[in-house]
């Protein structure tokens, strides 16, 4: 992140897939929904909060990221 702050972008684009998510049958990693939310929150500190997030396709519906998204409601770092 220090390099990103030094660069000083005017806008940040996130092109995100969730292969690293807990429960993803292809990625087999264990990145939680909270961790994805924290990374997004950190990126919001760049470019005055001007962040555009685009979800890439191909995420299986059985991936745990979908139900976890509902649990974010009311937390300040989930949007």
PDB file of N, CA and C in Angstrom:
ATOM      1  N   UNK A   1       0.804  -1.203   0.000  1.00  0.00           N
ATOM      2  CA  UNK A   1       0.000   0.000   0.000  1.00  0.00           C
ATOM      3  C   UNK A   1       0.850   1.271   0.000  1.00  0.00           C
ATOM      4  N   UNK A   2       2.049   1.285   0.599  1.00  0.00           N
ATOM      5  CA  UNK A   2       2.825   2.529   0.560  1.00  0.00           C
ATOM      6  C   UNK A   2       3.064   3.041  -0.862  1.00  0.00           C
ATOM      7  N   UNK A   3       3.327   2.148  -1.796  1.00  0.00           N
ATOM      8  CA  UNK A   3       3.552   2.568  -3.180  1.00  0.00           C
ATOM      9  C   UNK A   3       2.267   3.144  -3.771  1.00  0.00           C
ATOM     10  N   UNK A   4       1.139   2.549  -3.444  1.00  0.00           N
ATOM     11  CA  UNK A   4      -0.140   3.053  -3.948  1.00  0.00           C
ATOM     12  C   UNK A   4      -0.414   4.456  -3.412  1.00  0.00           C
ATOM     13  N   UNK A   5      -0.124   4.686  -2.124  1.00  0.00           N
ATOM     14  CA  UNK A   5      -0.317   6.025  -1.563  1.00  0.00           C
ATOM     15  C   UNK A   5       0.627   7.028  -2.217  1.00  0.00           C
ATOM     16  N   UNK A   6       1.865   6.607  -2.457  1.00  0.00           N
ATOM     17  CA  UNK A   6       2.841   7.483  -3.100  1.00  0.00           C
ATOM     18  C   UNK A   6       2.401   7.833  -4.524  1.00  0.00           C
ATOM     19  N   UNK A   7       1.853   6.867  -5.227  1.00  0.00           N
ATOM     20  CA  UNK A   7       1.381   7.088  -6.592  1.00  0.00           C
ATOM     21  C   UNK A   7       0.226   8.087  -6.615  1.00  0.00           C
ATOM     22  N   UNK A   8      -0.662   8.000  -5.626  1.00  0.00           N
ATOM     23  CA  UNK A   8      -1.779   8.939  -5.520  1.00  0.00           C
ATOM     24  C   UNK A   8      -2.799   8.831  -6.640  1.00  0.00           C
ATOM     25  N   UNK A   9      -3.435   7.675  -6.792  1.00  0.00           N
ATOM     26  CA  UNK A   9      -4.405   7.516  -7.879  1.00  0.00           C
ATOM     27  C   UNK A   9      -5.616   8.431  -7.700  1.00  0.00           C
ATOM     28  N   UNK A  10      -6.228   8.791  -8.820  1.00  0.00           N
ATOM     29  CA  UNK A  10      -7.448   9.590  -8.787  1.00  0.00           C
ATOM     30  C   UNK A  10      -8.674   8.713  -8.602  1.00  0.00           C
ATOM     31  N   UNK A  11      -8.561   7.452  -9.000  1.00  0.00           N
ATOM     32  CA  UNK A  11      -9.648   6.485  -8.860  1.00  0.00           C
ATOM     33  C   UNK A  11      -9.019   5.092  -8.789  1.00  0.00           C
ATOM     34  N   UNK A  12      -9.682   4.186  -8.088  1.00  0.00           N
ATOM     35  CA  UNK A  12      -9.196   2.812  -7.955  1.00  0.00           C
ATOM     36  C   UNK A  12     -10.249   1.869  -8.526  1.00  0.00           C
ATOM     37  N   UNK A  13      -9.825   0.985  -9.403  1.00  0.00           N
ATOM     38  CA  UNK A  13     -10.689  -0.063  -9.942  1.00  0.00           C
ATOM     39  C   UNK A  13     -10.263  -1.395  -9.342  1.00  0.00           C
ATOM     40  N   UNK A  14     -11.219  -2.142  -8.820  1.00  0.00           N
ATOM     41  CA  UNK A  14     -10.961  -3.488  -8.311  1.00  0.00           C
ATOM     42  C   UNK A  14     -11.666  -4.463  -9.240  1.00  0.00           C
ATOM     43  N   UNK A  15     -10.900  -5.318  -9.875  1.00  0.00           N
ATOM     44  CA  UNK A  15     -11.468  -6.388 -10.688  1.00  0.00           C
ATOM     45  C   UNK A  15     -11.269  -7.656  -9.871  1.00  0.00           C
ATOM     46  N   UNK A  16     -12.325  -8.113  -9.218  1.00  0.00           N
ATOM     47  CA  UNK A  16     -12.174  -9.145  -8.198  1.00  0.00           C
ATOM     48  C   UNK A  16     -12.856 -10.453  -8.549  1.00  0.00           C
ATOM     49  N   UNK A  17     -12.131 -11.495  -8.305  1.00  0.00           N
ATOM     50  CA  UNK A  17     -12.687 -12.834  -8.274  1.00  0.00           C
ATOM     51  C   UNK A  17     -12.530 -13.331  -6.845  1.00  0.00           C
ATOM     52  N   UNK A  18     -13.155 -14.415  -6.511  1.00  0.00           N
ATOM     53  CA  UNK A  18     -13.095 -14.891  -5.133  1.00  0.00           C
ATOM     54  C   UNK A  18     -12.584 -16.323  -5.038  1.00  0.00           C
ATOM     55  N   UNK A  19     -11.638 -16.673  -5.919  1.00  0.00           N
ATOM     56  CA  UNK A  19     -11.054 -18.014  -5.866  1.00  0.00           C
ATOM     57  C   UNK A  19     -10.333 -18.277  -4.547  1.00  0.00           C
ATOM     58  N   UNK A  20      -9.909 -17.218  -3.868  1.00  0.00           N
ATOM     59  CA  UNK A  20      -9.200 -17.387  -2.601  1.00  0.00           C
ATOM     60  C   UNK A  20     -10.150 -17.519  -1.411  1.00  0.00           C
ATOM     61  N   UNK A  21     -11.449 -17.392  -1.645  1.00  0.00           N
ATOM     62  CA  UNK A  21     -12.433 -17.403  -0.562  1.00  0.00           C
ATOM     63  C   UNK A  21     -12.543 -18.760   0.114  1.00  0.00           C
ATOM     64  N   UNK A  22     -12.797 -18.714   1.399  1.00  0.00           N
ATOM     65  CA  UNK A  22     -13.094 -19.929   2.145  1.00  0.00           C
ATOM     66  C   UNK A  22     -14.275 -20.623   1.489  1.00  0.00           C
ATOM     67  N   UNK A  23     -14.120 -21.899   1.212  1.00  0.00           N
ATOM     68  CA  UNK A  23     -15.204 -22.666   0.628  1.00  0.00           C
ATOM     69  C   UNK A  23     -15.183 -22.752  -0.884  1.00  0.00           C
ATOM     70  N   UNK A  24     -14.310 -21.984  -1.549  1.00  0.00           N
ATOM     71  CA  UNK A  24     -14.250 -22.070  -3.007  1.00  0.00           C
ATOM     72  C   UNK A  24     -13.595 -23.395  -3.396  1.00  0.00           C
ATOM     73  N   UNK A  25     -14.275 -24.204  -4.206  1.00  0.00           N
ATOM     74  CA  UNK A  25     -13.756 -25.525  -4.531  1.00  0.00           C
ATOM     75  C   UNK A  25     -12.541 -25.500  -5.460  1.00  0.00           C
ATOM     76  N   UNK A  26     -12.308 -24.413  -6.157  1.00  0.00           N
ATOM     77  CA  UNK A  26     -11.174 -24.345  -7.081  1.00  0.00           C
ATOM     78  C   UNK A  26      -9.928 -23.759  -6.431  1.00  0.00           C
ATOM     79  N   UNK A  27     -10.094 -22.680  -5.697  1.00  0.00           N
ATOM     80  CA  UNK A  27      -8.951 -21.999  -5.106  1.00  0.00           C
ATOM     81  C   UNK A  27      -8.336 -22.733  -3.932  1.00  0.00           C
ATOM     82  N   UNK A  28      -9.187 -23.354  -3.129  1.00  0.00           N
ATOM     83  CA  UNK A  28      -8.766 -24.097  -1.938  1.00  0.00           C
ATOM     84  C   UNK A  28      -7.945 -23.253  -0.957  1.00  0.00           C
ATOM     85  N   UNK A  29      -8.184 -21.943  -0.937  1.00  0.00           N
ATOM     86  CA  UNK A  29      -7.566 -21.073   0.058  1.00  0.00           C
ATOM     87  C   UNK A  29      -8.590 -20.827   1.151  1.00  0.00           C
ATOM     88  N   UNK A  30      -8.245 -20.017   2.130  1.00  0.00           N
ATOM     89  CA  UNK A  30      -9.165 -19.776   3.246  1.00  0.00           C
ATOM     90  C   UNK A  30      -9.255 -18.293   3.597  1.00  0.00           C
ATOM     91  N   UNK A  31      -9.450 -17.461   2.610  1.00  0.00           N
ATOM     92  CA  UNK A  31      -9.596 -16.031   2.861  1.00  0.00           C
ATOM     93  C   UNK A  31     -11.058 -15.769   3.212  1.00  0.00           C
ATOM     94  N   UNK A  32     -11.277 -15.174   4.382  1.00  0.00           N
ATOM     95  CA  UNK A  32     -12.643 -14.953   4.870  1.00  0.00           C
ATOM     96  C   UNK A  32     -13.275 -13.720   4.230  1.00  0.00           C
ATOM     97  N   UNK A  33     -14.586 -13.635   4.349  1.00  0.00           N
ATOM     98  CA  UNK A  33     -15.315 -12.456   3.873  1.00  0.00           C
ATOM     99  C   UNK A  33     -14.839 -11.214   4.615  1.00  0.00           C
ATOM    100  N   UNK A  34     -14.528 -11.360   5.907  1.00  0.00           N
ATOM    101  CA  UNK A  34     -14.013 -10.224   6.679  1.00  0.00           C
ATOM    102  C   UNK A  34     -12.691  -9.720   6.111  1.00  0.00           C
ATOM    103  N   UNK A  35     -11.838 -10.630   5.656  1.00  0.00           N
ATOM    104  CA  UNK A  35     -10.553 -10.230   5.081  1.00  0.00           C
ATOM    105  C   UNK A  35     -10.749  -9.493   3.766  1.00  0.00           C
ATOM    106  N   UNK A  36     -11.655  -9.994   2.913  1.00  0.00           N
ATOM    107  CA  UNK A  36     -11.959  -9.275   1.673  1.00  0.00           C
ATOM    108  C   UNK A  36     -12.502  -7.886   1.997  1.00  0.00           C
ATOM    109  N   UNK A  37     -13.356  -7.778   2.997  1.00  0.00           N
ATOM    110  CA  UNK A  37     -13.918  -6.481   3.395  1.00  0.00           C
ATOM    111  C   UNK A  37     -12.826  -5.548   3.903  1.00  0.00           C
ATOM    112  N   UNK A  38     -11.890  -6.076   4.692  1.00  0.00           N
ATOM    113  CA  UNK A  38     -10.794  -5.259   5.214  1.00  0.00           C
ATOM    114  C   UNK A  38      -9.904  -4.748   4.079  1.00  0.00           C
ATOM    115  N   UNK A  39      -9.594  -5.607   3.120  1.00  0.00           N
ATOM    116  CA  UNK A  39      -8.773  -5.170   1.980  1.00  0.00           C
ATOM    117  C   UNK A  39      -9.481  -4.067   1.197  1.00  0.00           C
ATOM    118  N   UNK A  40     -10.790  -4.200   1.016  1.00  0.00           N
ATOM    119  CA  UNK A  40     -11.557  -3.174   0.310  1.00  0.00           C
ATOM    120  C   UNK A  40     -11.566  -1.879   1.112  1.00  0.00           C
ATOM    121  N   UNK A  41     -11.742  -1.992   2.422  1.00  0.00           N
ATOM    122  CA  UNK A  41     -11.727  -0.816   3.299  1.00  0.00           C
ATOM    123  C   UNK A  41     -10.389  -0.080   3.175  1.00  0.00           C
ATOM    124  N   UNK A  42      -9.294  -0.828   3.141  1.00  0.00           N
ATOM    125  CA  UNK A  42      -7.978  -0.202   3.003  1.00  0.00           C
ATOM    126  C   UNK A  42      -7.853   0.524   1.663  1.00  0.00           C
ATOM    127  N   UNK A  43      -8.370  -0.074   0.614  1.00  0.00           N
ATOM    128  CA  UNK A  43      -8.324   0.572  -0.701  1.00  0.00           C
ATOM    129  C   UNK A  43      -9.178   1.836  -0.737  1.00  0.00           C
ATOM    130  N   UNK A  44     -10.210   1.894   0.104  1.00  0.00           N
ATOM    131  CA  UNK A  44     -11.061   3.084   0.161  1.00  0.00           C
ATOM    132  C   UNK A  44     -10.280   4.298   0.659  1.00  0.00           C
ATOM    133  N   UNK A  45      -9.133   4.072   1.302  1.00  0.00           N
ATOM    134  CA  UNK A  45      -8.289   5.173   1.757  1.00  0.00           C
ATOM    135  C   UNK A  45      -7.533   5.852   0.624  1.00  0.00           C
ATOM    136  N   UNK A  46      -7.542   5.243  -0.546  1.00  0.00           N
ATOM    137  CA  UNK A  46      -6.897   5.824  -1.722  1.00  0.00           C
ATOM    138  C   UNK A  46      -7.911   6.619  -2.532  1.00  0.00           C
ATOM    139  N   UNK A  47      -7.448   7.564  -3.274  1.00  0.00           N
ATOM    140  CA  UNK A  47      -8.269   8.300  -4.247  1.00  0.00           C
ATOM    141  C   UNK A  47      -9.518   8.917  -3.629  1.00  0.00           C
ATOM    142  N   UNK A  48      -9.428   9.327  -2.382  1.00  0.00           N
ATOM    143  CA  UNK A  48     -10.574   9.964  -1.740  1.00  0.00           C
ATOM    144  C   UNK A  48     -11.795   9.076  -1.662  1.00  0.00           C
ATOM    145  N   UNK A  49     -11.576   7.762  -1.614  1.00  0.00           N
ATOM    146  CA  UNK A  49     -12.684   6.820  -1.523  1.00  0.00           C
ATOM    147  C   UNK A  49     -13.346   6.501  -2.851  1.00  0.00           C
ATOM    148  N   UNK A  50     -12.806   7.029  -3.945  1.00  0.00           N
ATOM    149  CA  UNK A  50     -13.379   6.752  -5.270  1.00  0.00           C
ATOM    150  C   UNK A  50     -12.899   5.377  -5.740  1.00  0.00           C
ATOM    151  N   UNK A  51     -13.687   4.368  -5.418  1.00  0.00           N
ATOM    152  CA  UNK A  51     -13.347   2.980  -5.734  1.00  0.00           C
ATOM    153  C   UNK A  51     -14.502   2.352  -6.504  1.00  0.00           C
ATOM    154  N   UNK A  52     -14.171   1.700  -7.600  1.00  0.00           N
ATOM    155  CA  UNK A  52     -15.156   0.950  -8.379  1.00  0.00           C
ATOM    156  C   UNK A  52     -14.762  -0.514  -8.300  1.00  0.00           C
ATOM    157  N   UNK A  53     -15.686  -1.350  -7.839  1.00  0.00           N
ATOM    158  CA  UNK A  53     -15.424  -2.785  -7.720  1.00  0.00           C
ATOM    159  C   UNK A  53     -16.280  -3.541  -8.722  1.00  0.00           C
ATOM    160  N   UNK A  54     -15.638  -4.436  -9.463  1.00  0.00           N
ATOM    161  CA  UNK A  54     -16.319  -5.247 -10.465  1.00  0.00           C
ATOM    162  C   UNK A  54     -16.073  -6.706 -10.129  1.00  0.00           C
ATOM    163  N   UNK A  55     -17.140  -7.457 -10.008  1.00  0.00           N
ATOM    164  CA  UNK A  55     -17.021  -8.887  -9.725  1.00  0.00           C
ATOM    165  C   UNK A  55     -16.828  -9.643 -11.026  1.00  0.00           C
ATOM    166  N   UNK A  56     -15.775 -10.443 -11.072  1.00  0.00           N
ATOM    167  CA  UNK A  56     -15.548 -11.277 -12.248  1.00  0.00           C
ATOM    168  C   UNK A  56     -16.456 -12.491 -12.178  1.00  0.00           C
ATOM    169  N   UNK A  57     -16.778 -13.052 -13.308  1.00  0.00           N
ATOM    170  CA  UNK A  57     -17.674 -14.200 -13.368  1.00  0.00           C
ATOM    171  C   UNK A  57     -16.976 -15.503 -13.028  1.00  0.00           C
ATOM    172  N   UNK A  58     -17.770 -16.555 -12.967  1.00  0.00           N
ATOM    173  CA  UNK A  58     -17.232 -17.888 -12.772  1.00  0.00           C
ATOM    174  C   UNK A  58     -17.248 -18.393 -11.350  1.00  0.00           C
ATOM    175  N   UNK A  59     -17.749 -17.597 -10.396  1.00  0.00           N
ATOM    176  CA  UNK A  59     -17.784 -18.051  -9.012  1.00  0.00           C
ATOM    177  C   UNK A  59     -18.931 -19.034  -8.835  1.00  0.00           C
ATOM    178  N   UNK A  60     -18.632 -20.261  -8.396  1.00  0.00           N
ATOM    179  CA  UNK A  60     -19.712 -21.238  -8.179  1.00  0.00           C
ATOM    180  C   UNK A  60     -20.670 -20.759  -7.094  1.00  0.00           C
ATOM    181  N   UNK A  61     -21.937 -21.069  -7.234  1.00  0.00           N
ATOM    182  CA  UNK A  61     -22.929 -20.624  -6.251  1.00  0.00           C
ATOM    183  C   UNK A  61     -22.739 -21.283  -4.900  1.00  0.00           C
ATOM    184  N   UNK A  62     -22.038 -22.406  -4.841  1.00  0.00           N
ATOM    185  CA  UNK A  62     -21.823 -23.048  -3.540  1.00  0.00           C
ATOM    186  C   UNK A  62     -20.692 -22.398  -2.745  1.00  0.00           C
ATOM    187  N   UNK A  63     -20.006 -21.425  -3.328  1.00  0.00           N
ATOM    188  CA  UNK A  63     -18.944 -20.727  -2.616  1.00  0.00           C
ATOM    189  C   UNK A  63     -19.535 -19.983  -1.425  1.00  0.00           C
ATOM    190  N   UNK A  64     -18.844 -20.021  -0.316  1.00  0.00           N
ATOM    191  CA  UNK A  64     -19.324 -19.439   0.931  1.00  0.00           C
ATOM    192  C   UNK A  64     -19.388 -17.911   0.895  1.00  0.00           C
ATOM    193  N   UNK A  65     -18.748 -17.260  -0.068  1.00  0.00           N
ATOM    194  CA  UNK A  65     -18.744 -15.796  -0.110  1.00  0.00           C
ATOM    195  C   UNK A  65     -20.149 -15.219  -0.229  1.00  0.00           C
ATOM    196  N   UNK A  66     -21.041 -15.883  -0.898  1.00  0.00           N
ATOM    197  CA  UNK A  66     -22.385 -15.332  -1.110  1.00  0.00           C
ATOM    198  C   UNK A  66     -23.155 -15.210   0.206  1.00  0.00           C
ATOM    199  N   UNK A  67     -23.269 -16.268   1.033  1.00  0.00           N
ATOM    200  CA  UNK A  67     -23.966 -16.109   2.310  1.00  0.00           C
ATOM    201  C   UNK A  67     -23.266 -15.141   3.256  1.00  0.00           C
ATOM    202  N   UNK A  68     -21.924 -15.112   3.270  1.00  0.00           N
ATOM    203  CA  UNK A  68     -21.200 -14.213   4.159  1.00  0.00           C
ATOM    204  C   UNK A  68     -21.491 -12.760   3.838  1.00  0.00           C
ATOM    205  N   UNK A  69     -21.767 -12.462   2.584  1.00  0.00           N
ATOM    206  CA  UNK A  69     -22.060 -11.099   2.180  1.00  0.00           C
ATOM    207  C   UNK A  69     -23.257 -10.556   2.952  1.00  0.00           C
ATOM    208  N   UNK A  70     -24.249 -11.385   3.215  1.00  0.00           N
ATOM    209  CA  UNK A  70     -25.440 -10.967   3.953  1.00  0.00           C
ATOM    210  C   UNK A  70     -25.092 -10.594   5.394  1.00  0.00           C
ATOM    211  N   UNK A  71     -24.059 -11.225   5.953  1.00  0.00           N
ATOM    212  CA  UNK A  71     -23.681 -10.965   7.336  1.00  0.00           C
ATOM    213  C   UNK A  71     -22.972  -9.629   7.511  1.00  0.00           C
ATOM    214  N   UNK A  72     -22.585  -8.976   6.426  1.00  0.00           N
ATOM    215  CA  UNK A  72     -21.867  -7.709   6.503  1.00  0.00           C
ATOM    216  C   UNK A  72     -22.771  -6.545   6.894  1.00  0.00           C
ATOM    217  N   UNK A  73     -24.060  -6.689   6.732  1.00  0.00           N
ATOM    218  CA  UNK A  73     -24.986  -5.583   6.968  1.00  0.00           C
ATOM    219  C   UNK A  73     -24.749  -4.953   8.334  1.00  0.00           C
ATOM    220  N   UNK A  74     -24.564  -3.651   8.345  1.00  0.00           N
ATOM    221  CA  UNK A  74     -24.396  -2.915   9.586  1.00  0.00           C
ATOM    222  C   UNK A  74     -22.957  -2.730  10.018  1.00  0.00           C
ATOM    223  N   UNK A  75     -22.022  -3.400   9.399  1.00  0.00           N
ATOM    224  CA  UNK A  75     -20.614  -3.209   9.758  1.00  0.00           C
ATOM    225  C   UNK A  75     -20.064  -2.043   8.945  1.00  0.00           C
ATOM    226  N   UNK A  76     -19.249  -1.219   9.576  1.00  0.00           N
ATOM    227  CA  UNK A  76     -18.779  -0.005   8.911  1.00  0.00           C
ATOM    228  C   UNK A  76     -17.841  -0.285   7.748  1.00  0.00           C
ATOM    229  N   UNK A  77     -17.214  -1.457   7.707  1.00  0.00           N
ATOM    230  CA  UNK A  77     -16.271  -1.732   6.629  1.00  0.00           C
ATOM    231  C   UNK A  77     -16.861  -2.613   5.543  1.00  0.00           C
ATOM    232  N   UNK A  78     -18.149  -2.871   5.574  1.00  0.00           N
ATOM    233  CA  UNK A  78     -18.810  -3.648   4.518  1.00  0.00           C
ATOM    234  C   UNK A  78     -19.710  -2.712   3.725  1.00  0.00           C
ATOM    235  N   UNK A  79     -19.654  -2.832   2.403  1.00  0.00           N
ATOM    236  CA  UNK A  79     -20.482  -1.968   1.579  1.00  0.00           C
ATOM    237  C   UNK A  79     -21.075  -2.764   0.464  1.00  0.00           C
TER     238      UNK A  79
END
